[in-house]
Amino acid sequence: MKSVPFNEPNYTIMTHYHVVSRVSIYMLSAILIILGVFHFMYPRELFVYIPPSLWGGLTWVYLAGGAYILVGVSFLTNQYVKFTGYLLVIMLVIFILAFHLPNFRNAGDSDMRILSFIHIMKDTAIAGFAMHVAAGAHHQHLHLENSD
């Protein structure tokens, strides 16, 4: 068995890593697109999760659906990944703070409280994965500064 020197990259491992990475991004893309389509197919069912104190109502459901689809397509086509990934993170943090956390804290029903907690965990996990994907898009730049 031939050993690989420490400073030489092992291309078999790197190729395997790249394939696994792409598959996981495609899985996330599919989930985001399905979530987006679900928002457009069943807006009234998702409307109940929006606190009555927030303006906009059903607009939030459609906004989220469109954003999920756009980010999913962006990740799938590997276009604007850094930009859309970070925007998705911002959107999900807003949703956690504006929708899911108030629903969790103010839920009268224990089932609604558990469901809100699950939504907090789901959106946190998707935000973490989107942040990881966006940070890994080294070849794409936000053009906010020249050193990017």
C-alpha atoms as a PDB file:
ATOM      1  CA  MET A   1       0.000   0.000   0.000  1.00  0.00           C
ATOM      2  CA  LYS A   2       1.443   3.307  -1.078  1.00  0.00           C
ATOM      3  CA  SER A   3       1.310   6.112   1.453  1.00  0.00           C
ATOM      4  CA  VAL A   4       0.468   9.616   0.340  1.00  0.00           C
ATOM      5  CA  PRO A   5       2.791  12.341   1.612  1.00  0.00           C
ATOM      6  CA  PHE A   6       1.152  14.812   3.982  1.00  0.00           C
ATOM      7  CA  ASN A   7       1.388  17.765   1.607  1.00  0.00           C
ATOM      8  CA  GLU A   8      -0.017  15.954  -1.465  1.00  0.00           C
ATOM      9  CA  PRO A   9      -3.810  15.970  -1.761  1.00  0.00           C
ATOM     10  CA  ASN A  10      -5.547  12.643  -1.944  1.00  0.00           C
ATOM     11  CA  TYR A  11      -7.689  13.136  -5.044  1.00  0.00           C
ATOM     12  CA  THR A  12      -9.843  10.073  -4.409  1.00  0.00           C
ATOM     13  CA  ILE A  13     -10.945  11.464  -1.066  1.00  0.00           C
ATOM     14  CA  MET A  14     -11.461  14.951  -2.520  1.00  0.00           C
ATOM     15  CA  THR A  15     -13.554  13.582  -5.412  1.00  0.00           C
ATOM     16  CA  HIS A  16     -15.668  11.527  -3.003  1.00  0.00           C
ATOM     17  CA  TYR A  17     -16.121  14.563  -0.766  1.00  0.00           C
ATOM     18  CA  HIS A  18     -17.198  16.683  -3.741  1.00  0.00           C
ATOM     19  CA  VAL A  19     -19.759  14.101  -4.887  1.00  0.00           C
ATOM     20  CA  VAL A  20     -21.229  13.733  -1.396  1.00  0.00           C
ATOM     21  CA  SER A  21     -21.295  17.513  -1.008  1.00  0.00           C
ATOM     22  CA  ARG A  22     -23.147  18.007  -4.312  1.00  0.00           C
ATOM     23  CA  VAL A  23     -25.661  15.253  -3.491  1.00  0.00           C
ATOM     24  CA  SER A  24     -26.411  16.853  -0.127  1.00  0.00           C
ATOM     25  CA  ILE A  25     -26.881  20.259  -1.802  1.00  0.00           C
ATOM     26  CA  TYR A  26     -29.230  18.662  -4.361  1.00  0.00           C
ATOM     27  CA  MET A  27     -31.194  17.115  -1.488  1.00  0.00           C
ATOM     28  CA  LEU A  28     -31.498  20.509   0.194  1.00  0.00           C
ATOM     29  CA  SER A  29     -32.537  22.048  -3.140  1.00  0.00           C
ATOM     30  CA  ALA A  30     -35.305  19.486  -3.571  1.00  0.00           C
ATOM     31  CA  ILE A  31     -36.557  20.074  -0.030  1.00  0.00           C
ATOM     32  CA  LEU A  32     -36.555  23.855  -0.510  1.00  0.00           C
ATOM     33  CA  ILE A  33     -38.441  23.615  -3.808  1.00  0.00           C
ATOM     34  CA  ILE A  34     -41.000  21.226  -2.291  1.00  0.00           C
ATOM     35  CA  LEU A  35     -41.446  23.572   0.698  1.00  0.00           C
ATOM     36  CA  GLY A  36     -41.940  26.478  -1.702  1.00  0.00           C
ATOM     37  CA  VAL A  37     -44.526  24.637  -3.777  1.00  0.00           C
ATOM     38  CA  PHE A  38     -46.299  23.593  -0.567  1.00  0.00           C
ATOM     39  CA  HIS A  39     -46.551  27.275   0.431  1.00  0.00           C
ATOM     40  CA  PHE A  40     -48.318  28.057  -2.846  1.00  0.00           C
ATOM     41  CA  MET A  41     -50.577  24.981  -2.776  1.00  0.00           C
ATOM     42  CA  TYR A  42     -51.740  25.336   0.832  1.00  0.00           C
ATOM     43  CA  PRO A  43     -51.404  29.006   1.839  1.00  0.00           C
ATOM     44  CA  ARG A  44     -54.459  28.990   4.125  1.00  0.00           C
ATOM     45  CA  GLU A  45     -53.141  26.057   6.139  1.00  0.00           C
ATOM     46  CA  LEU A  46     -49.839  27.878   6.720  1.00  0.00           C
ATOM     47  CA  PHE A  47     -51.554  31.198   7.429  1.00  0.00           C
ATOM     48  CA  VAL A  48     -52.555  29.994  10.903  1.00  0.00           C
ATOM     49  CA  TYR A  49     -48.891  30.066  11.989  1.00  0.00           C
ATOM     50  CA  ILE A  50     -48.588  33.808  11.383  1.00  0.00           C
ATOM     51  CA  PRO A  51     -49.222  35.738  14.607  1.00  0.00           C
ATOM     52  CA  PRO A  52     -52.214  38.090  14.303  1.00  0.00           C
ATOM     53  CA  SER A  53     -50.079  41.013  15.487  1.00  0.00           C
ATOM     54  CA  LEU A  54     -47.927  40.877  12.326  1.00  0.00           C
ATOM     55  CA  TRP A  55     -48.987  42.838   9.269  1.00  0.00           C
ATOM     56  CA  GLY A  56     -48.977  41.265   5.841  1.00  0.00           C
ATOM     57  CA  GLY A  57     -50.926  38.113   6.579  1.00  0.00           C
ATOM     58  CA  LEU A  58     -50.987  35.775   3.607  1.00  0.00           C
ATOM     59  CA  THR A  59     -48.224  37.751   1.883  1.00  0.00           C
ATOM     60  CA  TRP A  60     -45.697  36.153   4.258  1.00  0.00           C
ATOM     61  CA  VAL A  61     -46.734  32.675   3.105  1.00  0.00           C
ATOM     62  CA  TYR A  62     -46.286  33.536  -0.580  1.00  0.00           C
ATOM     63  CA  LEU A  63     -43.039  35.404   0.100  1.00  0.00           C
ATOM     64  CA  ALA A  64     -41.597  32.395   1.895  1.00  0.00           C
ATOM     65  CA  GLY A  65     -42.768  30.025  -0.854  1.00  0.00           C
ATOM     66  CA  GLY A  66     -41.191  32.105  -3.588  1.00  0.00           C
ATOM     67  CA  ALA A  67     -37.966  32.485  -1.630  1.00  0.00           C
ATOM     68  CA  TYR A  68     -37.709  28.745  -0.978  1.00  0.00           C
ATOM     69  CA  ILE A  69     -38.179  27.985  -4.675  1.00  0.00           C
ATOM     70  CA  LEU A  70     -35.669  30.627  -5.796  1.00  0.00           C
ATOM     71  CA  VAL A  71     -33.007  29.457  -3.352  1.00  0.00           C
ATOM     72  CA  GLY A  72     -33.628  25.814  -4.270  1.00  0.00           C
ATOM     73  CA  VAL A  73     -33.182  26.601  -7.973  1.00  0.00           C
ATOM     74  CA  SER A  74     -30.108  28.707  -7.179  1.00  0.00           C
ATOM     75  CA  PHE A  75     -28.486  25.832  -5.259  1.00  0.00           C
ATOM     76  CA  LEU A  76     -29.516  23.326  -7.929  1.00  0.00           C
ATOM     77  CA  THR A  77     -28.011  25.347 -10.787  1.00  0.00           C
ATOM     78  CA  ASN A  78     -25.033  26.570  -8.719  1.00  0.00           C
ATOM     79  CA  GLN A  79     -25.813  30.198  -9.598  1.00  0.00           C
ATOM     80  CA  TYR A  80     -25.769  33.033  -7.038  1.00  0.00           C
ATOM     81  CA  VAL A  81     -25.330  30.453  -4.272  1.00  0.00           C
ATOM     82  CA  LYS A  82     -23.502  32.739  -1.864  1.00  0.00           C
ATOM     83  CA  PHE A  83     -26.045  35.556  -2.242  1.00  0.00           C
ATOM     84  CA  THR A  84     -29.193  33.417  -2.039  1.00  0.00           C
ATOM     85  CA  GLY A  85     -27.769  31.246   0.724  1.00  0.00           C
ATOM     86  CA  TYR A  86     -27.127  34.194   3.011  1.00  0.00           C
ATOM     87  CA  LEU A  87     -30.520  35.720   2.155  1.00  0.00           C
ATOM     88  CA  LEU A  88     -32.165  32.422   3.097  1.00  0.00           C
ATOM     89  CA  VAL A  89     -30.351  32.469   6.437  1.00  0.00           C
ATOM     90  CA  ILE A  90     -31.569  36.017   7.121  1.00  0.00           C
ATOM     91  CA  MET A  91     -35.135  35.083   6.137  1.00  0.00           C
ATOM     92  CA  LEU A  92     -35.144  32.000   8.352  1.00  0.00           C
ATOM     93  CA  VAL A  93     -33.781  33.899  11.354  1.00  0.00           C
ATOM     94  CA  ILE A  94     -36.531  36.487  10.858  1.00  0.00           C
ATOM     95  CA  PHE A  95     -39.119  33.711  10.652  1.00  0.00           C
ATOM     96  CA  ILE A  96     -37.788  32.077  13.807  1.00  0.00           C
ATOM     97  CA  LEU A  97     -37.887  35.356  15.725  1.00  0.00           C
ATOM     98  CA  ALA A  98     -41.110  36.780  14.245  1.00  0.00           C
ATOM     99  CA  PHE A  99     -43.263  33.663  13.807  1.00  0.00           C
ATOM    100  CA  HIS A 100     -42.063  30.503  15.469  1.00  0.00           C
ATOM    101  CA  LEU A 101     -40.749  31.888  18.755  1.00  0.00           C
ATOM    102  CA  PRO A 102     -43.894  33.954  19.501  1.00  0.00           C
ATOM    103  CA  ASN A 103     -46.040  30.944  18.598  1.00  0.00           C
ATOM    104  CA  PHE A 104     -43.942  28.761  20.883  1.00  0.00           C
ATOM    105  CA  ARG A 105     -44.119  31.204  23.791  1.00  0.00           C
ATOM    106  CA  ASN A 106     -47.812  32.062  23.450  1.00  0.00           C
ATOM    107  CA  ALA A 107     -49.295  28.725  22.424  1.00  0.00           C
ATOM    108  CA  GLY A 108     -52.214  27.696  24.555  1.00  0.00           C
ATOM    109  CA  ASP A 109     -52.291  24.199  23.121  1.00  0.00           C
ATOM    110  CA  SER A 110     -49.394  21.851  23.863  1.00  0.00           C
ATOM    111  CA  ASP A 111     -49.541  20.403  20.328  1.00  0.00           C
ATOM    112  CA  MET A 112     -49.117  23.896  18.845  1.00  0.00           C
ATOM    113  CA  ARG A 113     -46.213  24.524  21.211  1.00  0.00           C
ATOM    114  CA  ILE A 114     -44.489  21.299  20.124  1.00  0.00           C
ATOM    115  CA  LEU A 115     -45.107  22.086  16.457  1.00  0.00           C
ATOM    116  CA  SER A 116     -43.631  25.569  16.905  1.00  0.00           C
ATOM    117  CA  PHE A 117     -40.570  24.061  18.558  1.00  0.00           C
ATOM    118  CA  ILE A 118     -40.171  21.657  15.625  1.00  0.00           C
ATOM    119  CA  HIS A 119     -40.391  24.617  13.208  1.00  0.00           C
ATOM    120  CA  ILE A 120     -37.703  26.442  15.195  1.00  0.00           C
ATOM    121  CA  MET A 121     -35.410  23.415  14.996  1.00  0.00           C
ATOM    122  CA  LYS A 122     -36.151  22.822  11.278  1.00  0.00           C
ATOM    123  CA  ASP A 123     -35.497  26.424  10.291  1.00  0.00           C
ATOM    124  CA  THR A 124     -32.341  26.533  12.415  1.00  0.00           C
ATOM    125  CA  ALA A 125     -31.044  23.368  10.719  1.00  0.00           C
ATOM    126  CA  ILE A 126     -31.840  24.652   7.221  1.00  0.00           C
ATOM    127  CA  ALA A 127     -30.243  28.018   8.061  1.00  0.00           C
ATOM    128  CA  GLY A 128     -27.106  26.274   9.297  1.00  0.00           C
ATOM    129  CA  PHE A 129     -26.854  24.154   6.166  1.00  0.00           C
ATOM    130  CA  ALA A 130     -27.542  27.171   3.914  1.00  0.00           C
ATOM    131  CA  MET A 131     -24.831  29.133   5.735  1.00  0.00           C
ATOM    132  CA  HIS A 132     -22.396  26.267   5.199  1.00  0.00           C
ATOM    133  CA  VAL A 133     -23.264  26.027   1.497  1.00  0.00           C
ATOM    134  CA  ALA A 134     -22.997  29.812   1.018  1.00  0.00           C
ATOM    135  CA  ALA A 135     -19.656  29.977   2.816  1.00  0.00           C
ATOM    136  CA  GLY A 136     -18.340  27.169   0.619  1.00  0.00           C
ATOM    137  CA  ALA A 137     -19.181  28.997  -2.612  1.00  0.00           C
ATOM    138  CA  HIS A 138     -15.641  30.392  -2.911  1.00  0.00           C
ATOM    139  CA  HIS A 139     -15.882  31.002  -6.634  1.00  0.00           C
ATOM    140  CA  GLN A 140     -18.936  33.254  -6.231  1.00  0.00           C
ATOM    141  CA  HIS A 141     -18.622  36.754  -4.876  1.00  0.00           C
ATOM    142  CA  LEU A 142     -21.096  39.178  -3.352  1.00  0.00           C
ATOM    143  CA  HIS A 143     -19.013  42.098  -4.689  1.00  0.00           C
ATOM    144  CA  LEU A 144     -19.488  44.042  -1.473  1.00  0.00           C
ATOM    145  CA  GLU A 145     -15.785  44.721  -1.257  1.00  0.00           C
ATOM    146  CA  ASN A 146     -12.749  44.130  -3.421  1.00  0.00           C
ATOM    147  CA  SER A 147     -11.116  41.651  -1.023  1.00  0.00           C
ATOM    148  CA  ASP A 148     -13.989  39.165  -1.169  1.00  0.00           C
END
